[in-house]
Amino acid sequence: MTKRLATYLADGIYDLLEEWATQERRSISSLAAFLLEKAVREHQEQRQIPKPPPPSDEQQGRWE
């Protein structure tokens, strides 16, 4: 099921999206949905990469 989202954009951003959408022969809404989906997927991929553990004292060259 799809959902609707209403948002406000600055005139300049809207104009740039409109130009981009025209170049790709698609609607502004379609382009905006594509870009939002892409950004969310990239964000999810970044969150799933586990952070490495902090270096131990030995790895930092600290020998006690």
PDB file of N, CA and C in Angstrom:
ATOM      1  N   MET A   1       0.836  -1.174   0.000  1.00  0.00           N
ATOM      2  CA  MET A   1       0.000   0.000   0.000  1.00  0.00           C
ATOM      3  C   MET A   1       0.886   1.244   0.000  1.00  0.00           C
ATOM      4  N   THR A   2       0.536   2.227  -0.753  1.00  0.00           N
ATOM      5  CA  THR A   2       1.301   3.464  -0.781  1.00  0.00           C
ATOM      6  C   THR A   2       0.653   4.499   0.122  1.00  0.00           C
ATOM      7  N   LYS A   3       1.446   5.433   0.566  1.00  0.00           N
ATOM      8  CA  LYS A   3       0.987   6.522   1.438  1.00  0.00           C
ATOM      9  C   LYS A   3       1.240   7.852   0.752  1.00  0.00           C
ATOM     10  N   ARG A   4       0.483   8.836   1.145  1.00  0.00           N
ATOM     11  CA  ARG A   4       0.679  10.194   0.630  1.00  0.00           C
ATOM     12  C   ARG A   4       1.463  11.005   1.640  1.00  0.00           C
ATOM     13  N   LEU A   5       2.241  11.935   1.124  1.00  0.00           N
ATOM     14  CA  LEU A   5       3.021  12.828   1.961  1.00  0.00           C
ATOM     15  C   LEU A   5       2.950  14.218   1.350  1.00  0.00           C
ATOM     16  N   ALA A   6       2.585  15.174   2.141  1.00  0.00           N
ATOM     17  CA  ALA A   6       2.580  16.567   1.676  1.00  0.00           C
ATOM     18  C   ALA A   6       3.731  17.292   2.364  1.00  0.00           C
ATOM     19  N   THR A   7       4.405  18.132   1.631  1.00  0.00           N
ATOM     20  CA  THR A   7       5.526  18.868   2.207  1.00  0.00           C
ATOM     21  C   THR A   7       5.634  20.236   1.553  1.00  0.00           C
ATOM     22  N   TYR A   8       6.422  21.082   2.135  1.00  0.00           N
ATOM     23  CA  TYR A   8       6.669  22.408   1.597  1.00  0.00           C
ATOM     24  C   TYR A   8       8.123  22.490   1.186  1.00  0.00           C
ATOM     25  N   LEU A   9       8.381  23.100   0.037  1.00  0.00           N
ATOM     26  CA  LEU A   9       9.736  23.276  -0.470  1.00  0.00           C
ATOM     27  C   LEU A   9       9.969  24.743  -0.792  1.00  0.00           C
ATOM     28  N   ALA A  10      11.188  25.158  -0.610  1.00  0.00           N
ATOM     29  CA  ALA A  10      11.556  26.512  -1.024  1.00  0.00           C
ATOM     30  C   ALA A  10      11.402  26.601  -2.539  1.00  0.00           C
ATOM     31  N   ASP A  11      11.065  27.785  -3.022  1.00  0.00           N
ATOM     32  CA  ASP A  11      10.851  27.978  -4.461  1.00  0.00           C
ATOM     33  C   ASP A  11      12.029  27.481  -5.285  1.00  0.00           C
ATOM     34  N   GLY A  12      13.229  27.792  -4.852  1.00  0.00           N
ATOM     35  CA  GLY A  12      14.419  27.393  -5.605  1.00  0.00           C
ATOM     36  C   GLY A  12      14.564  25.886  -5.713  1.00  0.00           C
ATOM     37  N   ILE A  13      14.291  25.186  -4.625  1.00  0.00           N
ATOM     38  CA  ILE A  13      14.382  23.723  -4.641  1.00  0.00           C
ATOM     39  C   ILE A  13      13.303  23.143  -5.535  1.00  0.00           C
ATOM     40  N   TYR A  14      12.102  23.679  -5.446  1.00  0.00           N
ATOM     41  CA  TYR A  14      11.020  23.200  -6.299  1.00  0.00           C
ATOM     42  C   TYR A  14      11.375  23.393  -7.766  1.00  0.00           C
ATOM     43  N   ASP A  15      11.911  24.557  -8.085  1.00  0.00           N
ATOM     44  CA  ASP A  15      12.288  24.842  -9.477  1.00  0.00           C
ATOM     45  C   ASP A  15      13.345  23.865  -9.981  1.00  0.00           C
ATOM     46  N   LEU A  16      14.317  23.554  -9.128  1.00  0.00           N
ATOM     47  CA  LEU A  16      15.356  22.600  -9.517  1.00  0.00           C
ATOM     48  C   LEU A  16      14.775  21.196  -9.709  1.00  0.00           C
ATOM     49  N   LEU A  17      13.878  20.800  -8.813  1.00  0.00           N
ATOM     50  CA  LEU A  17      13.224  19.498  -8.968  1.00  0.00           C
ATOM     51  C   LEU A  17      12.387  19.446 -10.242  1.00  0.00           C
ATOM     52  N   GLU A  18      11.707  20.543 -10.522  1.00  0.00           N
ATOM     53  CA  GLU A  18      10.884  20.606 -11.726  1.00  0.00           C
ATOM     54  C   GLU A  18      11.742  20.460 -12.985  1.00  0.00           C
ATOM     55  N   GLU A  19      12.871  21.134 -12.995  1.00  0.00           N
ATOM     56  CA  GLU A  19      13.786  21.043 -14.142  1.00  0.00           C
ATOM     57  C   GLU A  19      14.322  19.615 -14.287  1.00  0.00           C
ATOM     58  N   TRP A  20      14.728  19.038 -13.174  1.00  0.00           N
ATOM     59  CA  TRP A  20      15.257  17.672 -13.176  1.00  0.00           C
ATOM     60  C   TRP A  20      14.195  16.686 -13.665  1.00  0.00           C
ATOM     61  N   ALA A  21      12.989  16.816 -13.142  1.00  0.00           N
ATOM     62  CA  ALA A  21      11.902  15.921 -13.538  1.00  0.00           C
ATOM     63  C   ALA A  21      11.608  16.059 -15.030  1.00  0.00           C
ATOM     64  N   THR A  22      11.625  17.262 -15.528  1.00  0.00           N
ATOM     65  CA  THR A  22      11.387  17.490 -16.960  1.00  0.00           C
ATOM     66  C   THR A  22      12.457  16.805 -17.790  1.00  0.00           C
ATOM     67  N   GLN A  23      13.710  16.924 -17.366  1.00  0.00           N
ATOM     68  CA  GLN A  23      14.812  16.287 -18.092  1.00  0.00           C
ATOM     69  C   GLN A  23      14.634  14.777 -18.139  1.00  0.00           C
ATOM     70  N   GLU A  24      14.089  14.203 -17.085  1.00  0.00           N
ATOM     71  CA  GLU A  24      13.903  12.751 -17.011  1.00  0.00           C
ATOM     72  C   GLU A  24      12.520  12.311 -17.489  1.00  0.00           C
ATOM     73  N   ARG A  25      11.738  13.273 -17.954  1.00  0.00           N
ATOM     74  CA  ARG A  25      10.375  13.003 -18.449  1.00  0.00           C
ATOM     75  C   ARG A  25       9.539  12.247 -17.418  1.00  0.00           C
ATOM     76  N   ARG A  26       9.530  12.783 -16.214  1.00  0.00           N
ATOM     77  CA  ARG A  26       8.713  12.206 -15.155  1.00  0.00           C
ATOM     78  C   ARG A  26       8.102  13.341 -14.346  1.00  0.00           C
ATOM     79  N   SER A  27       7.153  13.020 -13.522  1.00  0.00           N
ATOM     80  CA  SER A  27       6.520  14.056 -12.704  1.00  0.00           C
ATOM     81  C   SER A  27       7.441  14.436 -11.544  1.00  0.00           C
ATOM     82  N   ILE A  28       7.193  15.606 -10.997  1.00  0.00           N
ATOM     83  CA  ILE A  28       7.955  16.042  -9.822  1.00  0.00           C
ATOM     84  C   ILE A  28       7.679  15.081  -8.666  1.00  0.00           C
ATOM     85  N   SER A  29       6.430  14.675  -8.533  1.00  0.00           N
ATOM     86  CA  SER A  29       6.059  13.751  -7.464  1.00  0.00           C
ATOM     87  C   SER A  29       6.802  12.425  -7.590  1.00  0.00           C
ATOM     88  N   SER A  30       6.884  11.912  -8.798  1.00  0.00           N
ATOM     89  CA  SER A  30       7.588  10.652  -9.029  1.00  0.00           C
ATOM     90  C   SER A  30       9.072  10.790  -8.709  1.00  0.00           C
ATOM     91  N   LEU A  31       9.673  11.882  -9.134  1.00  0.00           N
ATOM     92  CA  LEU A  31      11.095  12.115  -8.854  1.00  0.00           C
ATOM     93  C   LEU A  31      11.321  12.258  -7.353  1.00  0.00           C
ATOM     94  N   ALA A  32      10.470  13.026  -6.686  1.00  0.00           N
ATOM     95  CA  ALA A  32      10.617  13.232  -5.243  1.00  0.00           C
ATOM     96  C   ALA A  32      10.477  11.907  -4.491  1.00  0.00           C
ATOM     97  N   ALA A  33       9.510  11.074  -4.884  1.00  0.00           N
ATOM     98  CA  ALA A  33       9.331   9.770  -4.236  1.00  0.00           C
ATOM     99  C   ALA A  33      10.565   8.902  -4.448  1.00  0.00           C
ATOM    100  N   PHE A  34      11.114   8.910  -5.663  1.00  0.00           N
ATOM    101  CA  PHE A  34      12.319   8.134  -5.958  1.00  0.00           C
ATOM    102  C   PHE A  34      13.489   8.599  -5.084  1.00  0.00           C
ATOM    103  N   LEU A  35      13.679   9.910  -5.004  1.00  0.00           N
ATOM    104  CA  LEU A  35      14.800  10.444  -4.232  1.00  0.00           C
ATOM    105  C   LEU A  35      14.652  10.162  -2.743  1.00  0.00           C
ATOM    106  N   LEU A  36      13.441  10.277  -2.223  1.00  0.00           N
ATOM    107  CA  LEU A  36      13.212   9.965  -0.809  1.00  0.00           C
ATOM    108  C   LEU A  36      13.468   8.492  -0.515  1.00  0.00           C
ATOM    109  N   GLU A  37      12.977   7.629  -1.388  1.00  0.00           N
ATOM    110  CA  GLU A  37      13.190   6.193  -1.194  1.00  0.00           C
ATOM    111  C   GLU A  37      14.677   5.855  -1.237  1.00  0.00           C
ATOM    112  N   LYS A  38      15.381   6.448  -2.188  1.00  0.00           N
ATOM    113  CA  LYS A  38      16.821   6.205  -2.302  1.00  0.00           C
ATOM    114  C   LYS A  38      17.558   6.663  -1.043  1.00  0.00           C
ATOM    115  N   ALA A  39      17.211   7.833  -0.541  1.00  0.00           N
ATOM    116  CA  ALA A  39      17.861   8.366   0.666  1.00  0.00           C
ATOM    117  C   ALA A  39      17.587   7.478   1.872  1.00  0.00           C
ATOM    118  N   VAL A  40      16.356   6.996   2.003  1.00  0.00           N
ATOM    119  CA  VAL A  40      16.005   6.134   3.139  1.00  0.00           C
ATOM    120  C   VAL A  40      16.755   4.811   3.048  1.00  0.00           C
ATOM    121  N   ARG A  41      16.827   4.234   1.860  1.00  0.00           N
ATOM    122  CA  ARG A  41      17.549   2.961   1.699  1.00  0.00           C
ATOM    123  C   ARG A  41      19.039   3.138   2.018  1.00  0.00           C
ATOM    124  N   GLU A  42      19.641   4.225   1.560  1.00  0.00           N
ATOM    125  CA  GLU A  42      21.053   4.478   1.861  1.00  0.00           C
ATOM    126  C   GLU A  42      21.262   4.670   3.350  1.00  0.00           C
ATOM    127  N   HIS A  43      20.342   5.361   3.990  1.00  0.00           N
ATOM    128  CA  HIS A  43      20.436   5.567   5.438  1.00  0.00           C
ATOM    129  C   HIS A  43      20.355   4.229   6.176  1.00  0.00           C
ATOM    130  N   GLN A  44      19.438   3.367   5.747  1.00  0.00           N
ATOM    131  CA  GLN A  44      19.303   2.046   6.360  1.00  0.00           C
ATOM    132  C   GLN A  44      20.571   1.224   6.180  1.00  0.00           C
ATOM    133  N   GLU A  45      21.165   1.271   4.997  1.00  0.00           N
ATOM    134  CA  GLU A  45      22.400   0.515   4.744  1.00  0.00           C
ATOM    135  C   GLU A  45      23.520   1.010   5.647  1.00  0.00           C
ATOM    136  N   GLN A  46      23.613   2.311   5.835  1.00  0.00           N
ATOM    137  CA  GLN A  46      24.663   2.863   6.698  1.00  0.00           C
ATOM    138  C   GLN A  46      24.459   2.437   8.144  1.00  0.00           C
ATOM    139  N   ARG A  47      23.226   2.355   8.585  1.00  0.00           N
ATOM    140  CA  ARG A  47      22.939   1.976   9.968  1.00  0.00           C
ATOM    141  C   ARG A  47      23.217   0.503  10.224  1.00  0.00           C
ATOM    142  N   GLN A  48      23.164  -0.330   9.200  1.00  0.00           N
ATOM    143  CA  GLN A  48      23.342  -1.767   9.393  1.00  0.00           C
ATOM    144  C   GLN A  48      24.801  -2.179   9.400  1.00  0.00           C
ATOM    145  N   ILE A  49      25.687  -1.299   9.019  1.00  0.00           N
ATOM    146  CA  ILE A  49      27.112  -1.618   9.057  1.00  0.00           C
ATOM    147  C   ILE A  49      27.561  -1.504  10.514  1.00  0.00           C
ATOM    148  N   PRO A  50      27.954  -2.620  11.116  1.00  0.00           N
ATOM    149  CA  PRO A  50      28.344  -2.545  12.523  1.00  0.00           C
ATOM    150  C   PRO A  50      29.602  -1.696  12.701  1.00  0.00           C
ATOM    151  N   LYS A  51      29.586  -0.927  13.761  1.00  0.00           N
ATOM    152  CA  LYS A  51      30.754  -0.110  14.064  1.00  0.00           C
ATOM    153  C   LYS A  51      31.837  -1.011  14.651  1.00  0.00           C
ATOM    154  N   PRO A  52      33.079  -0.784  14.255  1.00  0.00           N
ATOM    155  CA  PRO A  52      34.149  -1.609  14.831  1.00  0.00           C
ATOM    156  C   PRO A  52      34.317  -1.295  16.311  1.00  0.00           C
ATOM    157  N   PRO A  53      34.743  -2.274  17.086  1.00  0.00           N
ATOM    158  CA  PRO A  53      34.943  -2.012  18.520  1.00  0.00           C
ATOM    159  C   PRO A  53      36.091  -1.021  18.695  1.00  0.00           C
ATOM    160  N   PRO A  54      36.084  -0.305  19.799  1.00  0.00           N
ATOM    161  CA  PRO A  54      37.192   0.629  20.029  1.00  0.00           C
ATOM    162  C   PRO A  54      38.498  -0.132  20.153  1.00  0.00           C
ATOM    163  N   PRO A  55      39.601   0.471  19.723  1.00  0.00           N
ATOM    164  CA  PRO A  55      40.883  -0.238  19.802  1.00  0.00           C
ATOM    165  C   PRO A  55      41.270  -0.505  21.247  1.00  0.00           C
ATOM    166  N   SER A  56      41.888  -1.658  21.442  1.00  0.00           N
ATOM    167  CA  SER A  56      42.366  -1.983  22.786  1.00  0.00           C
ATOM    168  C   SER A  56      43.610  -1.161  23.076  1.00  0.00           C
ATOM    169  N   ASP A  57      44.027  -1.174  24.329  1.00  0.00           N
ATOM    170  CA  ASP A  57      45.252  -0.452  24.695  1.00  0.00           C
ATOM    171  C   ASP A  57      46.440  -0.971  23.896  1.00  0.00           C
ATOM    172  N   GLU A  58      46.460  -2.282  23.656  1.00  0.00           N
ATOM    173  CA  GLU A  58      47.557  -2.883  22.911  1.00  0.00           C
ATOM    174  C   GLU A  58      47.593  -2.351  21.470  1.00  0.00           C
ATOM    175  N   GLN A  59      46.424  -2.224  20.849  1.00  0.00           N
ATOM    176  CA  GLN A  59      46.352  -1.730  19.473  1.00  0.00           C
ATOM    177  C   GLN A  59      46.746  -0.262  19.377  1.00  0.00           C
ATOM    178  N   GLN A  60      46.553   0.485  20.462  1.00  0.00           N
ATOM    179  CA  GLN A  60      46.899   1.899  20.448  1.00  0.00           C
ATOM    180  C   GLN A  60      48.369   2.113  20.799  1.00  0.00           C
ATOM    181  N   GLY A  61      49.089   1.029  21.033  1.00  0.00           N
ATOM    182  CA  GLY A  61      50.496   1.161  21.379  1.00  0.00           C
ATOM    183  C   GLY A  61      50.736   1.448  22.837  1.00  0.00           C
ATOM    184  N   ARG A  62      49.726   1.245  23.649  1.00  0.00           N
ATOM    185  CA  ARG A  62      49.864   1.477  25.096  1.00  0.00           C
ATOM    186  C   ARG A  62      50.060   0.136  25.792  1.00  0.00           C
ATOM    187  N   TRP A  63      51.186  -0.051  26.323  1.00  0.00           N
ATOM    188  CA  TRP A  63      51.476  -1.268  27.048  1.00  0.00           C
ATOM    189  C   TRP A  63      51.592  -0.921  28.520  1.00  0.00           C
ATOM    190  N   GLU A  64      50.781  -1.543  29.287  1.00  0.00           N
ATOM    191  CA  GLU A  64      50.802  -1.249  30.733  1.00  0.00           C
ATOM    192  C   GLU A  64      51.320  -2.420  31.501  1.00  0.00           C
TER     193      GLU A  64
END
